[in-house]
Amino acid sequence: MSIQDATITAILDSHHIPEEFRHDPELRAAAYALAFLDEPAGGAEERFYNSDTALPGDTPDAPSYQAGNRGLLTEIYCSRVSLRLGELYAADLEAWAATAP
């Protein structure tokens, strides 16, 4: 299985990634990871994505709970996209401020 560039572009579009950041390797890596969640290779990968993980409660008194692995990974990768986009915007702002009179 191969992820097509059009799929990566669609994922970057869905996260409103500006054109100037679309070649950033970290953003592209997160987009690839998100694409693989929708197109698993089968076998163990697909079984893992379709399984649940038991997680401890969010506080010491909260009970543990089950969460879908695909949903957890989606949340993680989307968070990485947001964090990286923030880093890129901050670097652009710093570069702009350095050139301001």
PDB file of N, CA and C in Angstrom:
ATOM      1  N   MET A   1       0.833  -1.181   0.000  1.00  0.00           N
ATOM      2  CA  MET A   1       0.000   0.000   0.000  1.00  0.00           C
ATOM      3  C   MET A   1       0.876   1.241   0.000  1.00  0.00           C
ATOM      4  N   SER A   2       0.442   2.208  -0.732  1.00  0.00           N
ATOM      5  CA  SER A   2       1.191   3.450  -0.825  1.00  0.00           C
ATOM      6  C   SER A   2       0.242   4.624  -0.622  1.00  0.00           C
ATOM      7  N   ILE A   3       0.648   5.545   0.209  1.00  0.00           N
ATOM      8  CA  ILE A   3      -0.142   6.752   0.437  1.00  0.00           C
ATOM      9  C   ILE A   3       0.196   7.747  -0.671  1.00  0.00           C
ATOM     10  N   GLN A   4      -0.812   8.241  -1.343  1.00  0.00           N
ATOM     11  CA  GLN A   4      -0.628   9.165  -2.447  1.00  0.00           C
ATOM     12  C   GLN A   4      -0.476  10.602  -1.941  1.00  0.00           C
ATOM     13  N   ASP A   5       0.229  11.408  -2.707  1.00  0.00           N
ATOM     14  CA  ASP A   5       0.427  12.809  -2.336  1.00  0.00           C
ATOM     15  C   ASP A   5      -0.903  13.543  -2.218  1.00  0.00           C
ATOM     16  N   ALA A   6      -1.879  13.161  -3.030  1.00  0.00           N
ATOM     17  CA  ALA A   6      -3.198  13.806  -2.953  1.00  0.00           C
ATOM     18  C   ALA A   6      -3.844  13.565  -1.590  1.00  0.00           C
ATOM     19  N   THR A   7      -3.603  12.401  -1.006  1.00  0.00           N
ATOM     20  CA  THR A   7      -4.132  12.093   0.325  1.00  0.00           C
ATOM     21  C   THR A   7      -3.474  12.985   1.371  1.00  0.00           C
ATOM     22  N   ILE A   8      -2.162  13.146   1.265  1.00  0.00           N
ATOM     23  CA  ILE A   8      -1.436  14.006   2.208  1.00  0.00           C
ATOM     24  C   ILE A   8      -1.917  15.449   2.061  1.00  0.00           C
ATOM     25  N   THR A   9      -2.085  15.901   0.834  1.00  0.00           N
ATOM     26  CA  THR A   9      -2.584  17.254   0.583  1.00  0.00           C
ATOM     27  C   THR A   9      -3.964  17.443   1.200  1.00  0.00           C
ATOM     28  N   ALA A  10      -4.832  16.452   1.048  1.00  0.00           N
ATOM     29  CA  ALA A  10      -6.179  16.538   1.622  1.00  0.00           C
ATOM     30  C   ALA A  10      -6.126  16.631   3.147  1.00  0.00           C
ATOM     31  N   ILE A  11      -5.229  15.875   3.760  1.00  0.00           N
ATOM     32  CA  ILE A  11      -5.095  15.930   5.222  1.00  0.00           C
ATOM     33  C   ILE A  11      -4.557  17.292   5.641  1.00  0.00           C
ATOM     34  N   LEU A  12      -3.557  17.795   4.951  1.00  0.00           N
ATOM     35  CA  LEU A  12      -3.022  19.123   5.269  1.00  0.00           C
ATOM     36  C   LEU A  12      -4.098  20.188   5.072  1.00  0.00           C
ATOM     37  N   ASP A  13      -4.911  20.048   4.020  1.00  0.00           N
ATOM     38  CA  ASP A  13      -6.031  20.969   3.799  1.00  0.00           C
ATOM     39  C   ASP A  13      -7.016  20.929   4.965  1.00  0.00           C
ATOM     40  N   SER A  14      -7.315  19.722   5.447  1.00  0.00           N
ATOM     41  CA  SER A  14      -8.298  19.589   6.523  1.00  0.00           C
ATOM     42  C   SER A  14      -7.810  20.230   7.821  1.00  0.00           C
ATOM     43  N   HIS A  15      -6.503  20.385   7.948  1.00  0.00           N
ATOM     44  CA  HIS A  15      -5.935  21.046   9.129  1.00  0.00           C
ATOM     45  C   HIS A  15      -5.557  22.496   8.847  1.00  0.00           C
ATOM     46  N   HIS A  16      -5.951  22.997   7.687  1.00  0.00           N
ATOM     47  CA  HIS A  16      -5.735  24.397   7.298  1.00  0.00           C
ATOM     48  C   HIS A  16      -4.260  24.789   7.349  1.00  0.00           C
ATOM     49  N   ILE A  17      -3.397  23.906   6.837  1.00  0.00           N
ATOM     50  CA  ILE A  17      -1.960  24.173   6.809  1.00  0.00           C
ATOM     51  C   ILE A  17      -1.667  25.111   5.645  1.00  0.00           C
ATOM     52  N   PRO A  18      -1.056  26.258   5.906  1.00  0.00           N
ATOM     53  CA  PRO A  18      -0.735  27.187   4.822  1.00  0.00           C
ATOM     54  C   PRO A  18       0.292  26.590   3.856  1.00  0.00           C
ATOM     55  N   GLU A  19       0.235  27.041   2.650  1.00  0.00           N
ATOM     56  CA  GLU A  19       1.114  26.530   1.589  1.00  0.00           C
ATOM     57  C   GLU A  19       2.591  26.592   1.973  1.00  0.00           C
ATOM     58  N   GLU A  20       2.999  27.661   2.652  1.00  0.00           N
ATOM     59  CA  GLU A  20       4.429  27.817   2.966  1.00  0.00           C
ATOM     60  C   GLU A  20       4.949  26.778   3.964  1.00  0.00           C
ATOM     61  N   PHE A  21       4.048  26.076   4.653  1.00  0.00           N
ATOM     62  CA  PHE A  21       4.478  25.070   5.623  1.00  0.00           C
ATOM     63  C   PHE A  21       4.274  23.635   5.142  1.00  0.00           C
ATOM     64  N   ARG A  22       3.741  23.446   3.972  1.00  0.00           N
ATOM     65  CA  ARG A  22       3.342  22.111   3.516  1.00  0.00           C
ATOM     66  C   ARG A  22       4.493  21.149   3.248  1.00  0.00           C
ATOM     67  N   HIS A  23       5.693  21.661   3.158  1.00  0.00           N
ATOM     68  CA  HIS A  23       6.839  20.776   2.925  1.00  0.00           C
ATOM     69  C   HIS A  23       7.620  20.512   4.206  1.00  0.00           C
ATOM     70  N   ASP A  24       7.102  20.981   5.331  1.00  0.00           N
ATOM     71  CA  ASP A  24       7.756  20.728   6.608  1.00  0.00           C
ATOM     72  C   ASP A  24       7.713  19.224   6.902  1.00  0.00           C
ATOM     73  N   PRO A  25       8.869  18.612   7.167  1.00  0.00           N
ATOM     74  CA  PRO A  25       8.893  17.157   7.358  1.00  0.00           C
ATOM     75  C   PRO A  25       8.057  16.668   8.536  1.00  0.00           C
ATOM     76  N   GLU A  26       7.988  17.424   9.610  1.00  0.00           N
ATOM     77  CA  GLU A  26       7.195  16.982  10.758  1.00  0.00           C
ATOM     78  C   GLU A  26       5.699  17.016  10.456  1.00  0.00           C
ATOM     79  N   LEU A  27       5.237  18.053   9.765  1.00  0.00           N
ATOM     80  CA  LEU A  27       3.828  18.107   9.386  1.00  0.00           C
ATOM     81  C   LEU A  27       3.487  16.990   8.413  1.00  0.00           C
ATOM     82  N   ARG A  28       4.377  16.745   7.455  1.00  0.00           N
ATOM     83  CA  ARG A  28       4.132  15.673   6.487  1.00  0.00           C
ATOM     84  C   ARG A  28       4.146  14.303   7.171  1.00  0.00           C
ATOM     85  N   ALA A  29       5.020  14.124   8.141  1.00  0.00           N
ATOM     86  CA  ALA A  29       5.068  12.848   8.866  1.00  0.00           C
ATOM     87  C   ALA A  29       3.760  12.609   9.616  1.00  0.00           C
ATOM     88  N   ALA A  30       3.253  13.631  10.263  1.00  0.00           N
ATOM     89  CA  ALA A  30       1.979  13.497  10.974  1.00  0.00           C
ATOM     90  C   ALA A  30       0.846  13.213   9.992  1.00  0.00           C
ATOM     91  N   ALA A  31       0.879  13.874   8.826  1.00  0.00           N
ATOM     92  CA  ALA A  31      -0.147  13.621   7.810  1.00  0.00           C
ATOM     93  C   ALA A  31      -0.069  12.177   7.304  1.00  0.00           C
ATOM     94  N   TYR A  32       1.132  11.674   7.083  1.00  0.00           N
ATOM     95  CA  TYR A  32       1.289  10.274   6.680  1.00  0.00           C
ATOM     96  C   TYR A  32       0.738   9.343   7.748  1.00  0.00           C
ATOM     97  N   ALA A  33       1.038   9.629   9.014  1.00  0.00           N
ATOM     98  CA  ALA A  33       0.546   8.785  10.102  1.00  0.00           C
ATOM     99  C   ALA A  33      -0.981   8.788  10.127  1.00  0.00           C
ATOM    100  N   LEU A  34      -1.589   9.950   9.945  1.00  0.00           N
ATOM    101  CA  LEU A  34      -3.044  10.029   9.897  1.00  0.00           C
ATOM    102  C   LEU A  34      -3.603   9.249   8.707  1.00  0.00           C
ATOM    103  N   ALA A  35      -2.920   9.314   7.578  1.00  0.00           N
ATOM    104  CA  ALA A  35      -3.371   8.581   6.390  1.00  0.00           C
ATOM    105  C   ALA A  35      -3.334   7.077   6.628  1.00  0.00           C
ATOM    106  N   PHE A  36      -2.301   6.599   7.291  1.00  0.00           N
ATOM    107  CA  PHE A  36      -2.196   5.163   7.547  1.00  0.00           C
ATOM    108  C   PHE A  36      -3.286   4.671   8.489  1.00  0.00           C
ATOM    109  N   LEU A  37      -3.811   5.540   9.347  1.00  0.00           N
ATOM    110  CA  LEU A  37      -4.911   5.133  10.211  1.00  0.00           C
ATOM    111  C   LEU A  37      -6.149   4.777   9.398  1.00  0.00           C
ATOM    112  N   ASP A  38      -6.338   5.460   8.268  1.00  0.00           N
ATOM    113  CA  ASP A  38      -7.493   5.195   7.403  1.00  0.00           C
ATOM    114  C   ASP A  38      -7.220   4.083   6.399  1.00  0.00           C
ATOM    115  N   GLU A  39      -5.951   3.766   6.181  1.00  0.00           N
ATOM    116  CA  GLU A  39      -5.591   2.738   5.207  1.00  0.00           C
ATOM    117  C   GLU A  39      -4.534   1.799   5.800  1.00  0.00           C
ATOM    118  N   PRO A  40      -4.918   1.036   6.847  1.00  0.00           N
ATOM    119  CA  PRO A  40      -3.921   0.152   7.463  1.00  0.00           C
ATOM    120  C   PRO A  40      -3.467  -0.934   6.503  1.00  0.00           C
ATOM    121  N   ALA A  41      -2.278  -1.435   6.757  1.00  0.00           N
ATOM    122  CA  ALA A  41      -1.694  -2.466   5.895  1.00  0.00           C
ATOM    123  C   ALA A  41      -2.370  -3.820   6.081  1.00  0.00           C
ATOM    124  N   GLY A  42      -3.232  -3.958   7.045  1.00  0.00           N
ATOM    125  CA  GLY A  42      -3.874  -5.239   7.319  1.00  0.00           C
ATOM    126  C   GLY A  42      -3.137  -5.957   8.429  1.00  0.00           C
ATOM    127  N   GLY A  43      -3.538  -7.174   8.695  1.00  0.00           N
ATOM    128  CA  GLY A  43      -2.872  -7.976   9.706  1.00  0.00           C
ATOM    129  C   GLY A  43      -2.850  -7.312  11.057  1.00  0.00           C
ATOM    130  N   ALA A  44      -1.669  -7.367  11.691  1.00  0.00           N
ATOM    131  CA  ALA A  44      -1.514  -6.840  13.053  1.00  0.00           C
ATOM    132  C   ALA A  44      -1.810  -5.343  13.128  1.00  0.00           C
ATOM    133  N   GLU A  45      -1.401  -4.613  12.101  1.00  0.00           N
ATOM    134  CA  GLU A  45      -1.643  -3.156  12.116  1.00  0.00           C
ATOM    135  C   GLU A  45      -3.137  -2.861  12.175  1.00  0.00           C
ATOM    136  N   GLU A  46      -3.893  -3.510  11.336  1.00  0.00           N
ATOM    137  CA  GLU A  46      -5.340  -3.268  11.307  1.00  0.00           C
ATOM    138  C   GLU A  46      -6.005  -3.740  12.603  1.00  0.00           C
ATOM    139  N   ARG A  47      -5.581  -4.876  13.122  1.00  0.00           N
ATOM    140  CA  ARG A  47      -6.140  -5.361  14.394  1.00  0.00           C
ATOM    141  C   ARG A  47      -5.841  -4.385  15.528  1.00  0.00           C
ATOM    142  N   PHE A  48      -4.626  -3.839  15.546  1.00  0.00           N
ATOM    143  CA  PHE A  48      -4.259  -2.876  16.587  1.00  0.00           C
ATOM    144  C   PHE A  48      -5.126  -1.624  16.482  1.00  0.00           C
ATOM    145  N   TYR A  49      -5.268  -1.083  15.290  1.00  0.00           N
ATOM    146  CA  TYR A  49      -6.077   0.129  15.117  1.00  0.00           C
ATOM    147  C   TYR A  49      -7.526  -0.096  15.536  1.00  0.00           C
ATOM    148  N   ASN A  50      -8.024  -1.305  15.334  1.00  0.00           N
ATOM    149  CA  ASN A  50      -9.419  -1.617  15.638  1.00  0.00           C
ATOM    150  C   ASN A  50      -9.625  -2.079  17.077  1.00  0.00           C
ATOM    151  N   SER A  51      -8.563  -2.147  17.862  1.00  0.00           N
ATOM    152  CA  SER A  51      -8.646  -2.603  19.255  1.00  0.00           C
ATOM    153  C   SER A  51      -8.745  -1.425  20.216  1.00  0.00           C
ATOM    154  N   ASP A  52      -9.020  -1.770  21.466  1.00  0.00           N
ATOM    155  CA  ASP A  52      -9.086  -0.771  22.533  1.00  0.00           C
ATOM    156  C   ASP A  52      -7.884  -0.919  23.456  1.00  0.00           C
ATOM    157  N   THR A  53      -7.601   0.148  24.169  1.00  0.00           N
ATOM    158  CA  THR A  53      -6.558   0.154  25.187  1.00  0.00           C
ATOM    159  C   THR A  53      -7.198   0.557  26.509  1.00  0.00           C
ATOM    160  N   ALA A  54      -6.821  -0.122  27.575  1.00  0.00           N
ATOM    161  CA  ALA A  54      -7.286   0.256  28.909  1.00  0.00           C
ATOM    162  C   ALA A  54      -6.377   1.366  29.428  1.00  0.00           C
ATOM    163  N   LEU A  55      -6.974   2.454  29.829  1.00  0.00           N
ATOM    164  CA  LEU A  55      -6.227   3.615  30.320  1.00  0.00           C
ATOM    165  C   LEU A  55      -6.618   3.911  31.757  1.00  0.00           C
ATOM    166  N   PRO A  56      -5.655   4.388  32.553  1.00  0.00           N
ATOM    167  CA  PRO A  56      -6.002   4.775  33.926  1.00  0.00           C
ATOM    168  C   PRO A  56      -6.874   6.032  33.897  1.00  0.00           C
ATOM    169  N   GLY A  57      -7.605   6.235  34.962  1.00  0.00           N
ATOM    170  CA  GLY A  57      -8.429   7.441  35.072  1.00  0.00           C
ATOM    171  C   GLY A  57      -7.579   8.699  35.026  1.00  0.00           C
ATOM    172  N   ASP A  58      -8.200   9.800  34.704  1.00  0.00           N
ATOM    173  CA  ASP A  58      -7.481  11.071  34.576  1.00  0.00           C
ATOM    174  C   ASP A  58      -7.057  11.660  35.923  1.00  0.00           C
ATOM    175  N   THR A  59      -7.666  11.189  36.989  1.00  0.00           N
ATOM    176  CA  THR A  59      -7.269  11.587  38.338  1.00  0.00           C
ATOM    177  C   THR A  59      -7.114  10.306  39.158  1.00  0.00           C
ATOM    178  N   PRO A  60      -6.462  10.388  40.311  1.00  0.00           N
ATOM    179  CA  PRO A  60      -6.286   9.175  41.119  1.00  0.00           C
ATOM    180  C   PRO A  60      -7.604   8.494  41.513  1.00  0.00           C
ATOM    181  N   ASP A  61      -8.666   9.269  41.664  1.00  0.00           N
ATOM    182  CA  ASP A  61      -9.956   8.704  42.075  1.00  0.00           C
ATOM    183  C   ASP A  61     -10.818   8.239  40.903  1.00  0.00           C
ATOM    184  N   ALA A  62     -10.459   8.623  39.689  1.00  0.00           N
ATOM    185  CA  ALA A  62     -11.273   8.269  38.515  1.00  0.00           C
ATOM    186  C   ALA A  62     -11.021   6.819  38.120  1.00  0.00           C
ATOM    187  N   PRO A  63     -12.066   6.154  37.679  1.00  0.00           N
ATOM    188  CA  PRO A  63     -11.888   4.762  37.264  1.00  0.00           C
ATOM    189  C   PRO A  63     -11.142   4.680  35.923  1.00  0.00           C
ATOM    190  N   SER A  64     -10.551   3.521  35.670  1.00  0.00           N
ATOM    191  CA  SER A  64      -9.908   3.325  34.364  1.00  0.00           C
ATOM    192  C   SER A  64     -10.997   3.210  33.301  1.00  0.00           C
ATOM    193  N   TYR A  65     -10.609   3.328  32.061  1.00  0.00           N
ATOM    194  CA  TYR A  65     -11.577   3.266  30.966  1.00  0.00           C
ATOM    195  C   TYR A  65     -10.906   2.708  29.713  1.00  0.00           C
ATOM    196  N   GLN A  66     -11.721   2.323  28.755  1.00  0.00           N
ATOM    197  CA  GLN A  66     -11.249   1.800  27.475  1.00  0.00           C
ATOM    198  C   GLN A  66     -11.355   2.904  26.424  1.00  0.00           C
ATOM    199  N   ALA A  67     -10.371   2.966  25.554  1.00  0.00           N
ATOM    200  CA  ALA A  67     -10.401   3.926  24.442  1.00  0.00           C
ATOM    201  C   ALA A  67      -9.892   3.218  23.192  1.00  0.00           C
ATOM    202  N   GLY A  68     -10.482   3.533  22.073  1.00  0.00           N
ATOM    203  CA  GLY A  68     -10.069   2.938  20.807  1.00  0.00           C
ATOM    204  C   GLY A  68      -8.681   3.418  20.408  1.00  0.00           C
ATOM    205  N   ASN A  69      -7.844   2.484  19.978  1.00  0.00           N
ATOM    206  CA  ASN A  69      -6.481   2.842  19.562  1.00  0.00           C
ATOM    207  C   ASN A  69      -6.475   3.811  18.385  1.00  0.00           C
ATOM    208  N   ARG A  70      -7.347   3.595  17.419  1.00  0.00           N
ATOM    209  CA  ARG A  70      -7.395   4.501  16.257  1.00  0.00           C
ATOM    210  C   ARG A  70      -7.721   5.920  16.712  1.00  0.00           C
ATOM    211  N   GLY A  71      -8.675   6.066  17.617  1.00  0.00           N
ATOM    212  CA  GLY A  71      -9.043   7.386  18.127  1.00  0.00           C
ATOM    213  C   GLY A  71      -7.923   8.031  18.922  1.00  0.00           C
ATOM    214  N   LEU A  72      -7.254   7.227  19.757  1.00  0.00           N
ATOM    215  CA  LEU A  72      -6.125   7.751  20.522  1.00  0.00           C
ATOM    216  C   LEU A  72      -5.011   8.237  19.606  1.00  0.00           C
ATOM    217  N   LEU A  73      -4.679   7.430  18.607  1.00  0.00           N
ATOM    218  CA  LEU A  73      -3.605   7.820  17.684  1.00  0.00           C
ATOM    219  C   LEU A  73      -4.005   9.040  16.862  1.00  0.00           C
ATOM    220  N   THR A  74      -5.267   9.113  16.469  1.00  0.00           N
ATOM    221  CA  THR A  74      -5.738  10.289  15.732  1.00  0.00           C
ATOM    222  C   THR A  74      -5.560  11.536  16.585  1.00  0.00           C
ATOM    223  N   GLU A  75      -5.939  11.446  17.842  1.00  0.00           N
ATOM    224  CA  GLU A  75      -5.787  12.582  18.750  1.00  0.00           C
ATOM    225  C   GLU A  75      -4.319  12.983  18.899  1.00  0.00           C
ATOM    226  N   ILE A  76      -3.442  11.991  19.046  1.00  0.00           N
ATOM    227  CA  ILE A  76      -2.012  12.264  19.198  1.00  0.00           C
ATOM    228  C   ILE A  76      -1.454  12.938  17.956  1.00  0.00           C
ATOM    229  N   TYR A  77      -1.756  12.403  16.780  1.00  0.00           N
ATOM    230  CA  TYR A  77      -1.198  12.957  15.539  1.00  0.00           C
ATOM    231  C   TYR A  77      -1.773  14.343  15.240  1.00  0.00           C
ATOM    232  N   CYS A  78      -3.049  14.548  15.523  1.00  0.00           N
ATOM    233  CA  CYS A  78      -3.636  15.879  15.320  1.00  0.00           C
ATOM    234  C   CYS A  78      -3.011  16.886  16.281  1.00  0.00           C
ATOM    235  N   SER A  79      -2.728  16.440  17.490  1.00  0.00           N
ATOM    236  CA  SER A  79      -2.052  17.308  18.447  1.00  0.00           C
ATOM    237  C   SER A  79      -0.659  17.678  17.948  1.00  0.00           C
ATOM    238  N   ARG A  80       0.056  16.715  17.381  1.00  0.00           N
ATOM    239  CA  ARG A  80       1.395  16.988  16.826  1.00  0.00           C
ATOM    240  C   ARG A  80       1.303  18.019  15.703  1.00  0.00           C
ATOM    241  N   VAL A  81       0.277  17.905  14.860  1.00  0.00           N
ATOM    242  CA  VAL A  81       0.089  18.882  13.780  1.00  0.00           C
ATOM    243  C   VAL A  81      -0.103  20.273  14.379  1.00  0.00           C
ATOM    244  N   SER A  82      -0.960  20.381  15.370  1.00  0.00           N
ATOM    245  CA  SER A  82      -1.225  21.688  15.993  1.00  0.00           C
ATOM    246  C   SER A  82       0.016  22.265  16.659  1.00  0.00           C
ATOM    247  N   LEU A  83       0.732  21.416  17.394  1.00  0.00           N
ATOM    248  CA  LEU A  83       1.951  21.896  18.057  1.00  0.00           C
ATOM    249  C   LEU A  83       3.001  22.351  17.053  1.00  0.00           C
ATOM    250  N   ARG A  84       3.193  21.569  16.009  1.00  0.00           N
ATOM    251  CA  ARG A  84       4.203  21.926  15.004  1.00  0.00           C
ATOM    252  C   ARG A  84       3.801  23.191  14.263  1.00  0.00           C
ATOM    253  N   LEU A  85       2.537  23.321  13.935  1.00  0.00           N
ATOM    254  CA  LEU A  85       2.072  24.532  13.254  1.00  0.00           C
ATOM    255  C   LEU A  85       2.321  25.753  14.132  1.00  0.00           C
ATOM    256  N   GLY A  86       2.084  25.623  15.415  1.00  0.00           N
ATOM    257  CA  GLY A  86       2.381  26.717  16.342  1.00  0.00           C
ATOM    258  C   GLY A  86       3.851  27.068  16.357  1.00  0.00           C
ATOM    259  N   GLU A  87       4.716  26.039  16.337  1.00  0.00           N
ATOM    260  CA  GLU A  87       6.161  26.285  16.286  1.00  0.00           C
ATOM    261  C   GLU A  87       6.560  27.021  15.016  1.00  0.00           C
ATOM    262  N   LEU A  88       5.976  26.615  13.905  1.00  0.00           N
ATOM    263  CA  LEU A  88       6.317  27.263  12.629  1.00  0.00           C
ATOM    264  C   LEU A  88       5.837  28.707  12.588  1.00  0.00           C
ATOM    265  N   TYR A  89       4.633  28.957  13.090  1.00  0.00           N
ATOM    266  CA  TYR A  89       4.131  30.338  13.155  1.00  0.00           C
ATOM    267  C   TYR A  89       5.007  31.185  14.068  1.00  0.00           C
ATOM    268  N   ALA A  90       5.405  30.632  15.208  1.00  0.00           N
ATOM    269  CA  ALA A  90       6.254  31.375  16.148  1.00  0.00           C
ATOM    270  C   ALA A  90       7.601  31.703  15.515  1.00  0.00           C
ATOM    271  N   ALA A  91       8.186  30.756  14.792  1.00  0.00           N
ATOM    272  CA  ALA A  91       9.469  31.001  14.125  1.00  0.00           C
ATOM    273  C   ALA A  91       9.320  32.076  13.050  1.00  0.00           C
ATOM    274  N   ASP A  92       8.208  32.044  12.313  1.00  0.00           N
ATOM    275  CA  ASP A  92       7.965  33.078  11.305  1.00  0.00           C
ATOM    276  C   ASP A  92       7.831  34.456  11.959  1.00  0.00           C
ATOM    277  N   LEU A  93       7.122  34.514  13.065  1.00  0.00           N
ATOM    278  CA  LEU A  93       6.927  35.778  13.766  1.00  0.00           C
ATOM    279  C   LEU A  93       8.247  36.311  14.297  1.00  0.00           C
ATOM    280  N   GLU A  94       9.065  35.438  14.857  1.00  0.00           N
ATOM    281  CA  GLU A  94      10.368  35.854  15.360  1.00  0.00           C
ATOM    282  C   GLU A  94      11.255  36.365  14.222  1.00  0.00           C
ATOM    283  N   ALA A  95      11.225  35.681  13.089  1.00  0.00           N
ATOM    284  CA  ALA A  95      12.025  36.107  11.933  1.00  0.00           C
ATOM    285  C   ALA A  95      11.557  37.473  11.429  1.00  0.00           C
ATOM    286  N   TRP A  96      10.244  37.659  11.403  1.00  0.00           N
ATOM    287  CA  TRP A  96       9.680  38.939  10.963  1.00  0.00           C
ATOM    288  C   TRP A  96      10.080  40.042  11.960  1.00  0.00           C
ATOM    289  N   ALA A  97       9.965  39.750  13.254  1.00  0.00           N
ATOM    290  CA  ALA A  97      10.295  40.756  14.277  1.00  0.00           C
ATOM    291  C   ALA A  97      11.755  41.138  14.233  1.00  0.00           C
ATOM    292  N   ALA A  98      12.605  40.203  13.879  1.00  0.00           N
ATOM    293  CA  ALA A  98      14.037  40.482  13.796  1.00  0.00           C
ATOM    294  C   ALA A  98      14.375  41.427  12.665  1.00  0.00           C
ATOM    295  N   THR A  99      13.523  41.492  11.668  1.00  0.00           N
ATOM    296  CA  THR A  99      13.779  42.366  10.525  1.00  0.00           C
ATOM    297  C   THR A  99      13.058  43.708  10.642  1.00  0.00           C
ATOM    298  N   ALA A 100      12.191  43.834  11.641  1.00  0.00           N
ATOM    299  CA  ALA A 100      11.434  45.090  11.808  1.00  0.00           C
ATOM    300  C   ALA A 100      12.358  46.189  12.302  1.00  0.00           C
ATOM    301  N   PRO A 101      12.111  47.416  11.841  1.00  0.00           N
ATOM    302  CA  PRO A 101      12.969  48.537  12.274  1.00  0.00           C
ATOM    303  C   PRO A 101      12.782  48.887  13.723  1.00  0.00           C
TER     304      PRO A 101
END
